[in-house]
Amino acid sequence: MDVLPLAFKSNGADVSLSAELQPKLNPYAKGLPRSVQQALGRRYAGLFTAYLKHRGTLTRVTFWGVTDGDSWLNNWPVKGRTNYPLLFDRSGRPTPAFDAVIHAARAQ
């Protein structure tokens, strides 16, 4: 899940797109604020609540990476941009989003 502002009006995944690095497109270069971490956690909790509701028809959920440092969203479509889309931070520690997913799973 992307927490950064869109670099283009279109939010597709055209890998040929490229935008110049600007502070407004990389607002969390020094780390993700707690408020944004919590909002991301709520987004993940909502998704996993829906996934769990339909667990009889869903067979898997796939993540494109394990830690935020591994994410394909870093450097795309803005080279040099830092993103925080996954459940583990750059050091491999669980994030508040991870905790939200676990809480959602336990609530089912």
Protein backbone atom coordinates (compact mmCIF):
# COMPACT_ATOMS: atom_id res chain seq x y z
CA MET A 1 0.00 0.00 0.00
CA ASP A 2 1.40 3.34 -0.99
CA VAL A 3 1.44 6.15 1.59
CA LEU A 4 3.02 8.74 -0.68
CA PRO A 5 1.39 11.39 -2.88
CA LEU A 6 0.75 10.40 -6.49
CA ALA A 7 3.45 11.60 -8.85
CA PHE A 8 0.98 11.55 -11.77
CA LYS A 9 -2.77 11.98 -12.11
CA SER A 10 -2.99 8.37 -13.23
CA ASN A 11 -2.33 5.82 -10.51
CA GLY A 12 -1.54 2.90 -12.83
CA ALA A 13 1.69 0.91 -12.73
CA ASP A 14 3.28 1.87 -16.03
CA VAL A 15 6.92 1.07 -15.23
CA SER A 16 8.13 3.46 -17.94
CA LEU A 17 6.85 6.46 -15.97
CA SER A 18 9.41 8.57 -14.20
CA ALA A 19 9.10 11.79 -12.22
CA GLU A 20 11.70 14.17 -10.82
CA LEU A 21 12.37 13.94 -7.09
CA GLN A 22 10.67 16.81 -5.25
CA PRO A 23 10.16 17.28 -1.51
CA LYS A 24 6.36 17.29 -1.95
CA LEU A 25 6.55 13.81 -3.54
CA ASN A 26 8.84 12.44 -0.81
CA PRO A 27 7.40 13.89 2.41
CA TYR A 28 8.65 11.07 4.69
CA ALA A 29 12.27 10.80 3.58
CA LYS A 30 13.43 10.74 7.23
CA GLY A 31 10.79 8.34 8.51
CA LEU A 32 7.08 7.74 8.64
CA PRO A 33 5.22 9.82 11.24
CA ARG A 34 3.28 7.87 13.83
CA SER A 35 -0.03 9.33 12.60
CA VAL A 36 0.63 8.03 9.07
CA GLN A 37 1.71 4.65 10.47
CA GLN A 38 -1.56 4.43 12.37
CA ALA A 39 -3.60 5.40 9.28
CA LEU A 40 -1.78 2.75 7.25
CA GLY A 41 -2.54 0.23 9.98
CA ARG A 42 -6.24 1.07 9.77
CA ARG A 43 -6.16 0.58 5.98
CA TYR A 44 -4.51 -2.83 6.39
CA ALA A 45 -6.94 -3.82 9.15
CA GLY A 46 -9.89 -2.95 6.92
CA LEU A 47 -8.51 -4.99 4.05
CA PHE A 48 -7.71 -8.01 6.18
CA THR A 49 -11.09 -7.85 7.88
CA ALA A 50 -12.65 -8.11 4.41
CA TYR A 51 -10.22 -10.87 3.39
CA LEU A 52 -11.05 -12.85 6.52
CA LYS A 53 -14.76 -12.38 5.94
CA HIS A 54 -14.30 -14.09 2.58
CA ARG A 55 -11.66 -16.61 3.63
CA GLY A 56 -13.73 -19.42 2.17
CA THR A 57 -13.12 -18.12 -1.34
CA LEU A 58 -9.71 -16.46 -0.95
CA THR A 59 -6.73 -18.77 -1.03
CA ARG A 60 -3.87 -16.31 -0.46
CA VAL A 61 -2.73 -12.72 -0.12
CA THR A 62 0.51 -11.79 -1.85
CA PHE A 63 2.90 -9.03 -0.78
CA TRP A 64 5.45 -7.65 -3.22
CA GLY A 65 8.33 -7.62 -0.78
CA VAL A 66 8.89 -8.34 2.90
CA THR A 67 10.35 -5.17 4.37
CA ASP A 68 9.86 -1.54 3.43
CA GLY A 69 13.45 -1.49 2.22
CA ASP A 70 12.69 -4.27 -0.28
CA SER A 71 9.59 -2.67 -1.77
CA TRP A 72 9.38 -2.00 -5.50
CA LEU A 73 7.61 1.25 -4.58
CA ASN A 74 10.91 2.74 -3.41
CA ASN A 75 12.39 4.72 -6.29
CA TRP A 76 9.30 4.33 -8.52
CA PRO A 77 8.03 6.35 -10.20
CA VAL A 78 10.26 8.88 -8.44
CA LYS A 79 13.93 7.89 -8.24
CA GLY A 80 15.26 8.50 -4.73
CA ARG A 81 11.85 8.37 -3.05
CA THR A 82 11.31 6.41 0.18
CA ASN A 83 8.11 4.41 0.70
CA TYR A 84 6.68 2.42 3.63
CA PRO A 85 4.07 0.04 2.16
CA LEU A 86 4.74 -3.26 3.94
CA LEU A 87 4.21 -4.85 7.34
CA PHE A 88 7.90 -4.85 8.33
CA ASP A 89 10.15 -1.80 8.51
CA ARG A 90 13.58 -1.48 6.91
CA SER A 91 15.17 -3.31 9.84
CA GLY A 92 12.70 -6.21 9.61
CA ARG A 93 10.72 -5.17 12.69
CA PRO A 94 6.92 -5.41 12.66
CA THR A 95 5.17 -2.09 12.03
CA PRO A 96 1.88 -0.80 13.47
CA ALA A 97 0.30 -2.12 10.24
CA PHE A 98 1.49 -5.62 11.17
CA ASP A 99 -0.06 -5.23 14.61
CA ALA A 100 -3.32 -4.05 13.02
CA VAL A 101 -3.46 -7.13 10.77
CA ILE A 102 -2.86 -9.44 13.73
CA HIS A 103 -5.54 -7.64 15.74
CA ALA A 104 -8.00 -7.94 12.82
CA ALA A 105 -7.25 -11.67 12.53
CA ARG A 106 -7.78 -12.25 16.26
CA ALA A 107 -11.08 -10.35 16.16
CA GLN A 108 -12.52 -12.82 13.63
